Amino acid sequence: MPHPADPTTVSRPQPPADQAAGLRQMFATRALSFVPVVANGAAGCGGLVLERLCTAYANLGLKTLVVDASEQARTPCELAEFDLAEGIEVLSPQVSYMPARGLPLRHVDAMGSCGALLDALAEAAPQHDVVLVHASASELVRLFAQRARGHDVRPLVLTNDLADGLKEAYASVKLISQRSHWRIYDLIVCAPPISRQARAVARRLGECADHFLGMAQRNWQELDLLVAAQSDITPAFQQLANEQLRHALPVQLGDAAFEHLVSPGAALPARRAPVLN
């Protein structure tokens, strides 16, 4: 039997001093995946797209927080100004929602970046896996552009099969090309199943983005406007959602997040890893 001073003696790791220390060990490298979804008020299908994305991520065993900073969203509750966690509404075990109209600009710094809000959201919602940020193109650039350098983040652009929706989608892609380093985006075209324009809209936006802006439209999917909330996700839409997750911005949890994890009634983050085939 080796002597206690023998350097070959195998030392056993010390148990954590308390629950918080144990959580810090467990989630030292844990990050939330932030996905930028470009709002399109003219298309009027942002809610449907967000709902379908939440269902797709629930299929992977992930918990999703929707942060809606679009012009159509409600403003955050008053308590959220002091603690963002107070502004989060739990809709189901897999999905939470936070109305956030006007919230990004409250976190703008001297350089015009709102990236600090991403850290604050991660600390307020550490039990989630995915954060969908639904906002205008200008706000998404302020939130993501500086933080996303070195990451292959791919914004998700929305439109419908009508001229006004296409016009706003092109304006969003143009703004992104001018104010960020992003050169690739994905597209969802919301249209009824009988639409003859959806494919033409996707093709025209992709061609204009390429020829005039140097932007590449990587993937696009048509989303049925009449789809029921309980309907299953199509394999094609699930694949697009998986691609968005692969290209999401990872935001590491800070120490403040553990205060929420160890608070009474807090739920631990999902431990199931997504399978992205």
Protein backbone atom coordinates (compact mmCIF):
# COMPACT_ATOMS: atom_id res chain seq x y z
CA MET A 1 0.00 0.00 0.00
CA PRO A 2 1.57 3.32 -1.02
CA HIS A 3 2.65 5.79 1.61
CA PRO A 4 0.51 8.97 1.76
CA ALA A 5 3.54 10.96 0.67
CA ASP A 6 4.16 8.72 -2.33
CA PRO A 7 3.78 10.84 -5.53
CA THR A 8 2.11 7.87 -7.22
CA THR A 9 -0.78 8.02 -4.79
CA VAL A 10 -3.98 8.88 -6.64
CA SER A 11 -5.68 11.88 -5.04
CA ARG A 12 -9.42 11.96 -5.04
CA PRO A 13 -11.19 15.16 -6.08
CA GLN A 14 -12.63 17.12 -3.20
CA PRO A 15 -16.41 17.39 -3.16
CA PRO A 16 -17.77 20.88 -3.82
CA ALA A 17 -18.11 23.05 -0.74
CA ASP A 18 -21.74 23.92 -1.49
CA GLN A 19 -24.40 23.66 -4.18
CA ALA A 20 -23.23 26.81 -5.96
CA ALA A 21 -19.68 25.50 -6.18
CA GLY A 22 -20.98 22.22 -7.58
CA LEU A 23 -22.98 24.03 -10.25
CA ARG A 24 -19.96 26.09 -11.22
CA GLN A 25 -18.05 22.86 -11.80
CA MET A 26 -20.90 21.30 -13.80
CA PHE A 27 -21.60 24.27 -16.05
CA ALA A 28 -18.18 25.96 -16.24
CA THR A 29 -18.23 25.64 -20.03
CA ARG A 30 -21.99 25.90 -20.54
CA ALA A 31 -23.21 28.44 -23.12
CA LEU A 32 -26.62 29.53 -24.36
CA SER A 33 -27.17 29.58 -28.13
CA PHE A 34 -28.47 32.95 -29.39
CA VAL A 35 -30.27 32.95 -32.76
CA PRO A 36 -31.02 36.30 -34.52
CA VAL A 37 -34.43 36.37 -36.22
CA VAL A 38 -35.05 39.46 -38.35
CA ALA A 39 -38.51 40.95 -37.74
CA ASN A 40 -40.66 41.85 -40.76
CA GLY A 41 -43.75 43.84 -39.82
CA ALA A 42 -45.07 43.79 -43.38
CA ALA A 43 -45.00 39.99 -43.53
CA GLY A 44 -46.96 39.56 -40.30
CA CYS A 45 -45.74 36.02 -39.64
CA GLY A 46 -43.08 36.52 -36.98
CA GLY A 47 -45.15 34.84 -34.28
CA LEU A 48 -45.75 31.75 -36.41
CA VAL A 49 -42.05 31.41 -37.27
CA LEU A 50 -41.00 31.75 -33.63
CA GLU A 51 -43.59 29.18 -32.57
CA ARG A 52 -42.38 26.69 -35.18
CA LEU A 53 -38.74 27.21 -34.16
CA CYS A 54 -39.64 26.58 -30.53
CA THR A 55 -41.34 23.33 -31.52
CA ALA A 56 -38.32 22.29 -33.57
CA TYR A 57 -35.98 22.84 -30.61
CA ALA A 58 -38.36 21.11 -28.22
CA ASN A 59 -38.04 18.10 -30.54
CA LEU A 60 -34.33 18.14 -29.68
CA GLY A 61 -35.05 18.23 -25.96
CA LEU A 62 -34.04 21.90 -25.66
CA LYS A 63 -35.63 24.76 -23.72
CA THR A 64 -36.15 27.97 -25.66
CA LEU A 65 -36.55 31.59 -24.57
CA VAL A 66 -38.14 33.94 -27.11
CA VAL A 67 -36.99 37.54 -26.66
CA ASP A 68 -39.36 39.62 -28.78
CA ALA A 69 -37.98 43.12 -29.38
CA SER A 70 -39.94 43.73 -32.58
CA GLU A 71 -42.15 46.78 -33.06
CA GLN A 72 -45.23 44.59 -32.64
CA ALA A 73 -44.15 43.27 -29.23
CA ARG A 74 -45.09 44.60 -25.80
CA THR A 75 -42.62 46.59 -23.75
CA PRO A 76 -40.97 44.75 -20.83
CA CYS A 77 -42.67 44.83 -17.46
CA GLU A 78 -41.43 47.46 -15.01
CA LEU A 79 -39.65 44.94 -12.80
CA ALA A 80 -37.56 43.77 -15.76
CA GLU A 81 -35.71 47.08 -15.65
CA PHE A 82 -34.16 45.95 -12.36
CA ASP A 83 -34.08 42.18 -12.96
CA LEU A 84 -34.54 40.78 -16.47
CA ALA A 85 -35.67 37.45 -15.04
CA GLU A 86 -38.84 39.18 -13.80
CA GLY A 87 -39.81 39.89 -17.39
CA ILE A 88 -39.72 36.24 -18.50
CA GLU A 89 -43.09 34.54 -18.90
CA VAL A 90 -43.12 30.72 -18.75
CA LEU A 91 -45.45 29.38 -21.45
CA SER A 92 -44.64 25.68 -21.13
CA PRO A 93 -41.88 23.46 -19.72
CA GLN A 94 -39.98 23.95 -23.01
CA VAL A 95 -40.79 27.56 -23.95
CA SER A 96 -40.58 30.95 -22.25
CA TYR A 97 -41.33 34.40 -23.64
CA MET A 98 -40.06 37.87 -22.89
CA PRO A 99 -41.67 40.98 -24.42
CA ALA A 100 -38.76 43.31 -25.08
CA ARG A 101 -39.73 46.16 -27.39
CA GLY A 102 -37.24 48.98 -26.84
CA LEU A 103 -35.05 46.89 -24.52
CA PRO A 104 -31.88 46.68 -26.69
CA LEU A 105 -31.34 50.43 -26.77
CA ARG A 106 -31.42 50.53 -22.97
CA HIS A 107 -28.16 48.56 -23.06
CA VAL A 108 -26.34 50.50 -25.78
CA ASP A 109 -22.74 51.49 -25.03
CA ALA A 110 -20.51 54.32 -26.28
CA MET A 111 -19.64 52.29 -29.39
CA GLY A 112 -23.30 51.81 -30.32
CA SER A 113 -23.29 48.12 -29.36
CA CYS A 114 -26.08 46.48 -27.34
CA GLY A 115 -24.12 43.26 -26.87
CA ALA A 116 -24.18 43.60 -23.09
CA LEU A 117 -27.87 42.66 -23.22
CA LEU A 118 -26.94 39.17 -24.46
CA ASP A 119 -24.86 38.54 -21.34
CA ALA A 120 -27.65 39.93 -19.16
CA LEU A 121 -30.19 37.62 -20.81
CA ALA A 122 -27.93 34.60 -20.35
CA GLU A 123 -27.56 35.41 -16.67
CA ALA A 124 -31.32 35.91 -16.28
CA ALA A 125 -32.27 32.67 -18.06
CA PRO A 126 -29.48 30.11 -17.48
CA GLN A 127 -31.95 27.21 -17.42
CA HIS A 128 -32.63 27.68 -21.15
CA ASP A 129 -30.63 26.28 -24.04
CA VAL A 130 -31.66 28.47 -26.98
CA VAL A 131 -32.55 32.18 -27.08
CA LEU A 132 -34.43 33.43 -30.15
CA VAL A 133 -33.94 37.19 -30.47
CA HIS A 134 -36.68 38.65 -32.70
CA ALA A 135 -35.89 42.25 -33.60
CA SER A 136 -35.36 44.66 -36.48
CA ALA A 137 -32.23 44.29 -38.59
CA SER A 138 -30.72 47.44 -37.07
CA GLU A 139 -31.21 46.22 -33.51
CA LEU A 140 -29.87 42.76 -34.31
CA VAL A 141 -26.73 44.32 -35.75
CA ARG A 142 -26.29 46.38 -32.57
CA LEU A 143 -26.82 43.25 -30.46
CA PHE A 144 -24.79 40.69 -32.39
CA ALA A 145 -22.31 42.25 -34.81
CA GLN A 146 -19.39 42.96 -32.46
CA ARG A 147 -19.92 39.83 -30.36
CA ALA A 148 -20.27 37.60 -33.43
CA ARG A 149 -16.84 38.35 -34.91
CA GLY A 150 -15.09 35.05 -35.23
CA HIS A 151 -18.40 33.16 -35.16
CA ASP A 152 -20.31 31.96 -38.22
CA VAL A 153 -23.61 33.50 -37.13
CA ARG A 154 -26.34 33.36 -39.76
CA PRO A 155 -29.39 35.66 -39.33
CA LEU A 156 -32.81 34.30 -40.23
CA VAL A 157 -34.78 36.63 -42.53
CA LEU A 158 -38.59 36.46 -42.88
CA THR A 159 -40.97 37.49 -45.63
CA ASN A 160 -44.33 36.56 -47.12
CA ASP A 161 -45.21 36.09 -50.78
CA LEU A 162 -46.33 39.71 -51.26
CA ALA A 163 -44.50 42.79 -52.52
CA ASP A 164 -44.48 44.67 -49.19
CA GLY A 165 -42.99 41.73 -47.32
CA LEU A 166 -40.32 41.22 -49.98
CA LYS A 167 -39.47 44.92 -49.96
CA GLU A 168 -38.95 44.96 -46.18
CA ALA A 169 -36.93 41.74 -46.30
CA TYR A 170 -34.60 43.22 -48.92
CA ALA A 171 -34.22 46.41 -46.88
CA SER A 172 -33.24 44.29 -43.86
CA VAL A 173 -30.65 42.31 -45.85
CA LYS A 174 -29.26 45.58 -47.24
CA LEU A 175 -28.89 47.07 -43.77
CA ILE A 176 -27.18 43.93 -42.49
CA SER A 177 -24.73 44.02 -45.41
CA GLN A 178 -23.86 47.66 -44.73
CA ARG A 179 -23.51 47.55 -40.94
CA SER A 180 -22.08 44.11 -40.21
CA HIS A 181 -19.58 41.55 -41.47
CA TRP A 182 -22.35 38.98 -42.10
CA ARG A 183 -22.53 37.82 -45.70
CA ILE A 184 -24.84 34.80 -45.39
CA TYR A 185 -28.45 34.54 -44.25
CA ASP A 186 -31.29 32.00 -44.27
CA LEU A 187 -34.84 32.77 -45.37
CA ILE A 188 -38.36 31.69 -44.46
CA VAL A 189 -41.20 32.58 -46.84
CA CYS A 190 -44.60 32.48 -45.12
CA ALA A 191 -47.35 31.70 -47.63
CA PRO A 192 -50.51 29.62 -48.03
CA PRO A 193 -50.02 26.19 -49.64
CA ILE A 194 -51.65 27.32 -52.89
CA SER A 195 -49.25 30.26 -53.34
CA ARG A 196 -47.52 30.42 -56.70
CA GLN A 197 -45.26 33.28 -55.62
CA ALA A 198 -43.30 31.83 -52.69
CA ARG A 199 -40.55 30.23 -54.77
CA ALA A 200 -40.33 33.31 -57.03
CA VAL A 201 -40.02 35.59 -53.99
CA ALA A 202 -37.19 33.51 -52.54
CA ARG A 203 -35.40 33.43 -55.90
CA ARG A 204 -35.75 37.17 -56.47
CA LEU A 205 -34.53 38.10 -52.98
CA GLY A 206 -31.57 35.76 -53.33
CA GLU A 207 -30.61 37.15 -56.72
CA CYS A 208 -30.90 40.79 -55.63
CA ALA A 209 -28.96 40.14 -52.44
CA ASP A 210 -26.20 38.48 -54.44
CA HIS A 211 -25.98 40.93 -57.34
CA PHE A 212 -26.37 44.21 -55.46
CA LEU A 213 -25.24 43.50 -51.89
CA GLY A 214 -22.79 40.63 -52.08
CA MET A 215 -24.98 38.64 -49.69
CA ALA A 216 -25.58 34.89 -50.05
CA GLN A 217 -28.97 33.32 -49.33
CA ARG A 218 -27.85 29.94 -48.03
CA ASN A 219 -31.12 28.10 -47.28
CA TRP A 220 -34.79 28.92 -47.61
CA GLN A 221 -37.99 27.20 -46.57
CA GLU A 222 -41.65 27.87 -47.21
CA LEU A 223 -43.86 27.92 -44.10
CA ASP A 224 -47.57 27.30 -44.42
CA LEU A 225 -49.47 30.27 -42.96
CA LEU A 226 -52.40 27.98 -42.15
CA VAL A 227 -50.40 25.44 -40.17
CA ALA A 228 -51.94 24.50 -36.83
CA ALA A 229 -50.00 25.14 -33.63
CA GLN A 230 -50.03 21.41 -32.79
CA SER A 231 -48.81 20.30 -36.21
CA ASP A 232 -45.60 18.35 -36.50
CA ILE A 233 -42.52 20.06 -37.90
CA THR A 234 -41.64 19.05 -41.45
CA PRO A 235 -38.22 17.45 -41.91
CA ALA A 236 -37.15 20.37 -44.11
CA PHE A 237 -38.08 22.96 -41.49
CA GLN A 238 -36.41 20.91 -38.75
CA GLN A 239 -33.24 20.85 -40.83
CA LEU A 240 -33.32 24.64 -41.23
CA ALA A 241 -33.83 25.04 -37.47
CA ASN A 242 -30.90 22.71 -36.85
CA GLU A 243 -28.73 24.79 -39.18
CA GLN A 244 -29.66 27.94 -37.29
CA LEU A 245 -28.62 26.26 -34.07
CA ARG A 246 -25.27 25.24 -35.55
CA HIS A 247 -24.60 28.86 -36.50
CA ALA A 248 -25.95 30.44 -33.31
CA LEU A 249 -23.84 32.77 -31.17
CA PRO A 250 -22.68 30.98 -27.99
CA VAL A 251 -22.81 33.15 -24.86
CA GLN A 252 -21.05 31.74 -21.82
CA LEU A 253 -22.77 31.85 -18.46
CA GLY A 254 -21.27 34.28 -15.96
CA ASP A 255 -21.11 33.97 -12.20
CA ALA A 256 -24.34 35.91 -11.78
CA ALA A 257 -26.20 33.14 -13.59
CA PHE A 258 -25.54 30.74 -10.75
CA GLU A 259 -27.53 32.92 -8.36
CA HIS A 260 -30.59 32.08 -10.47
CA LEU A 261 -29.64 28.40 -10.68
CA VAL A 262 -29.44 28.01 -6.91
CA SER A 263 -32.41 30.23 -6.07
CA PRO A 264 -35.53 28.53 -4.63
CA GLY A 265 -37.64 26.93 -7.33
CA ALA A 266 -35.04 27.33 -10.07
CA ALA A 267 -34.88 24.56 -12.67
CA LEU A 268 -31.55 23.21 -13.81
CA PRO A 269 -30.64 23.50 -17.49
CA ALA A 270 -31.51 20.67 -19.84
CA ARG A 271 -28.75 18.05 -19.90
CA ARG A 272 -29.80 16.38 -23.13
CA ALA A 273 -27.46 17.26 -25.97
CA PRO A 274 -29.09 18.08 -29.32
CA VAL A 275 -28.65 15.61 -32.14
CA LEU A 276 -28.11 17.62 -35.31
CA ASN A 277 -27.99 15.26 -38.26
